[in-house]
Amino acid sequence: MQEIDQLHQAMDSRPVIDMARGILMARFGCSTESAWEIPVTVSQHSNAKLRGVADCLVEAAQPGGEMPQDLQQHLSLAAVQNSRDEPATRRP
């Protein structure tokens, strides 16, 4: 039963995570892989669930939306680190 519940949670989280990835790709001009790695890194370093990070990214992209300061700092660091690691051929 726990496995089924986890699958349902993953399926429910997927759309908001995909929206957050699209926002990151548009904002930072990064690849789809990087748009996955950035929120995962933020999640790990901020001790927040990936779904929560994605929710914050989507909310912050709305007019008047803001991201909590601690997540914003983790996001900035993850984006900078990722841009250093991403091959130049993948950047627009």
C-alpha atoms as a PDB file:
ATOM      1  CA  MET A   1       0.000   0.000   0.000  1.00  0.00           C
ATOM      2  CA  GLN A   2       2.791   2.456   0.820  1.00  0.00           C
ATOM      3  CA  GLU A   3       4.288   1.911  -2.634  1.00  0.00           C
ATOM      4  CA  ILE A   4       0.971   2.745  -4.289  1.00  0.00           C
ATOM      5  CA  ASP A   5       0.601   5.891  -2.178  1.00  0.00           C
ATOM      6  CA  GLN A   6       4.106   6.984  -3.175  1.00  0.00           C
ATOM      7  CA  LEU A   7       3.280   6.423  -6.847  1.00  0.00           C
ATOM      8  CA  HIS A   8       0.159   8.558  -6.529  1.00  0.00           C
ATOM      9  CA  GLN A   9       2.133  11.322  -4.833  1.00  0.00           C
ATOM     10  CA  ALA A  10       4.740  11.222  -7.594  1.00  0.00           C
ATOM     11  CA  MET A  11       2.064  11.413 -10.275  1.00  0.00           C
ATOM     12  CA  ASP A  12       0.392  14.347  -8.521  1.00  0.00           C
ATOM     13  CA  SER A  13       3.725  16.185  -8.183  1.00  0.00           C
ATOM     14  CA  ARG A  14       4.851  15.725 -11.768  1.00  0.00           C
ATOM     15  CA  PRO A  15       2.913  18.612 -13.402  1.00  0.00           C
ATOM     16  CA  VAL A  16       4.184  21.266 -10.979  1.00  0.00           C
ATOM     17  CA  ILE A  17       7.743  19.928 -11.238  1.00  0.00           C
ATOM     18  CA  ASP A  18       7.519  20.088 -15.040  1.00  0.00           C
ATOM     19  CA  MET A  19       6.233  23.679 -14.843  1.00  0.00           C
ATOM     20  CA  ALA A  20       9.117  24.605 -12.553  1.00  0.00           C
ATOM     21  CA  ARG A  21      11.586  23.035 -14.986  1.00  0.00           C
ATOM     22  CA  GLY A  22      10.116  25.095 -17.826  1.00  0.00           C
ATOM     23  CA  ILE A  23      10.444  28.247 -15.749  1.00  0.00           C
ATOM     24  CA  LEU A  24      14.105  27.458 -15.030  1.00  0.00           C
ATOM     25  CA  MET A  25      14.806  26.740 -18.705  1.00  0.00           C
ATOM     26  CA  ALA A  26      13.272  30.085 -19.685  1.00  0.00           C
ATOM     27  CA  ARG A  27      14.899  32.043 -16.873  1.00  0.00           C
ATOM     28  CA  PHE A  28      18.406  30.605 -17.060  1.00  0.00           C
ATOM     29  CA  GLY A  29      18.491  29.297 -20.642  1.00  0.00           C
ATOM     30  CA  CYS A  30      19.531  25.893 -19.355  1.00  0.00           C
ATOM     31  CA  SER A  31      19.027  22.405 -20.728  1.00  0.00           C
ATOM     32  CA  THR A  32      16.262  20.060 -19.608  1.00  0.00           C
ATOM     33  CA  GLU A  33      18.827  18.087 -17.625  1.00  0.00           C
ATOM     34  CA  SER A  34      20.001  21.182 -15.796  1.00  0.00           C
ATOM     35  CA  ALA A  35      16.409  22.240 -15.188  1.00  0.00           C
ATOM     36  CA  TRP A  36      16.030  18.953 -13.329  1.00  0.00           C
ATOM     37  CA  GLU A  37      19.347  19.119 -11.458  1.00  0.00           C
ATOM     38  CA  ILE A  38      18.859  22.677 -10.174  1.00  0.00           C
ATOM     39  CA  PRO A  39      15.678  22.074  -8.137  1.00  0.00           C
ATOM     40  CA  VAL A  40      17.008  18.716  -6.939  1.00  0.00           C
ATOM     41  CA  THR A  41      20.125  20.492  -5.646  1.00  0.00           C
ATOM     42  CA  VAL A  42      18.003  23.204  -4.022  1.00  0.00           C
ATOM     43  CA  SER A  43      15.861  20.513  -2.404  1.00  0.00           C
ATOM     44  CA  GLN A  44      18.882  18.681  -1.023  1.00  0.00           C
ATOM     45  CA  HIS A  45      20.673  21.771   0.280  1.00  0.00           C
ATOM     46  CA  SER A  46      17.606  23.393   1.800  1.00  0.00           C
ATOM     47  CA  ASN A  47      16.190  20.191   3.260  1.00  0.00           C
ATOM     48  CA  ALA A  48      12.915  20.857   1.434  1.00  0.00           C
ATOM     49  CA  LYS A  49      10.881  18.426  -0.613  1.00  0.00           C
ATOM     50  CA  LEU A  50      11.298  18.678  -4.371  1.00  0.00           C
ATOM     51  CA  ARG A  51       7.551  19.308  -4.739  1.00  0.00           C
ATOM     52  CA  GLY A  52       7.818  22.220  -2.295  1.00  0.00           C
ATOM     53  CA  VAL A  53      10.707  23.749  -4.230  1.00  0.00           C
ATOM     54  CA  ALA A  54       8.750  23.365  -7.472  1.00  0.00           C
ATOM     55  CA  ASP A  55       5.661  24.953  -5.890  1.00  0.00           C
ATOM     56  CA  CYS A  56       7.756  27.936  -4.766  1.00  0.00           C
ATOM     57  CA  LEU A  57       9.286  28.349  -8.225  1.00  0.00           C
ATOM     58  CA  VAL A  58       5.882  28.324  -9.895  1.00  0.00           C
ATOM     59  CA  GLU A  59       4.419  30.742  -7.336  1.00  0.00           C
ATOM     60  CA  ALA A  60       7.404  33.088  -7.692  1.00  0.00           C
ATOM     61  CA  ALA A  61       6.895  33.184 -11.467  1.00  0.00           C
ATOM     62  CA  GLN A  62       3.385  34.589 -11.011  1.00  0.00           C
ATOM     63  CA  PRO A  63       2.883  38.368 -11.031  1.00  0.00           C
ATOM     64  CA  GLY A  64       3.762  39.643  -7.579  1.00  0.00           C
ATOM     65  CA  GLY A  65       5.054  36.221  -6.550  1.00  0.00           C
ATOM     66  CA  GLU A  66       8.114  35.812  -4.395  1.00  0.00           C
ATOM     67  CA  MET A  67      10.293  32.903  -3.410  1.00  0.00           C
ATOM     68  CA  PRO A  68      11.333  32.505   0.236  1.00  0.00           C
ATOM     69  CA  GLN A  69      14.747  34.093   0.767  1.00  0.00           C
ATOM     70  CA  ASP A  70      16.476  30.877   1.844  1.00  0.00           C
ATOM     71  CA  LEU A  71      15.260  29.005  -1.248  1.00  0.00           C
ATOM     72  CA  GLN A  72      16.188  31.965  -3.453  1.00  0.00           C
ATOM     73  CA  GLN A  73      19.758  31.802  -2.142  1.00  0.00           C
ATOM     74  CA  HIS A  74      19.970  28.054  -2.737  1.00  0.00           C
ATOM     75  CA  LEU A  75      18.491  28.520  -6.217  1.00  0.00           C
ATOM     76  CA  SER A  76      21.021  31.188  -7.134  1.00  0.00           C
ATOM     77  CA  LEU A  77      23.928  29.060  -5.964  1.00  0.00           C
ATOM     78  CA  ALA A  78      22.623  25.953  -7.755  1.00  0.00           C
ATOM     79  CA  ALA A  79      22.057  27.887 -10.993  1.00  0.00           C
ATOM     80  CA  VAL A  80      25.546  29.405 -10.934  1.00  0.00           C
ATOM     81  CA  GLN A  81      27.163  26.052 -10.176  1.00  0.00           C
ATOM     82  CA  ASN A  82      25.131  24.357 -12.879  1.00  0.00           C
ATOM     83  CA  SER A  83      26.060  26.973 -15.480  1.00  0.00           C
ATOM     84  CA  ARG A  84      29.728  26.270 -14.741  1.00  0.00           C
ATOM     85  CA  ASP A  85      29.206  22.527 -15.113  1.00  0.00           C
ATOM     86  CA  GLU A  86      27.022  22.608 -18.220  1.00  0.00           C
ATOM     87  CA  PRO A  87      28.894  22.185 -21.516  1.00  0.00           C
ATOM     88  CA  ALA A  88      29.042  25.376 -23.553  1.00  0.00           C
ATOM     89  CA  THR A  89      27.507  23.587 -26.547  1.00  0.00           C
ATOM     90  CA  ARG A  90      24.239  23.189 -24.646  1.00  0.00           C
ATOM     91  CA  ARG A  91      23.865  26.835 -23.751  1.00  0.00           C
ATOM     92  CA  PRO A  92      21.799  29.001 -26.076  1.00  0.00           C
END
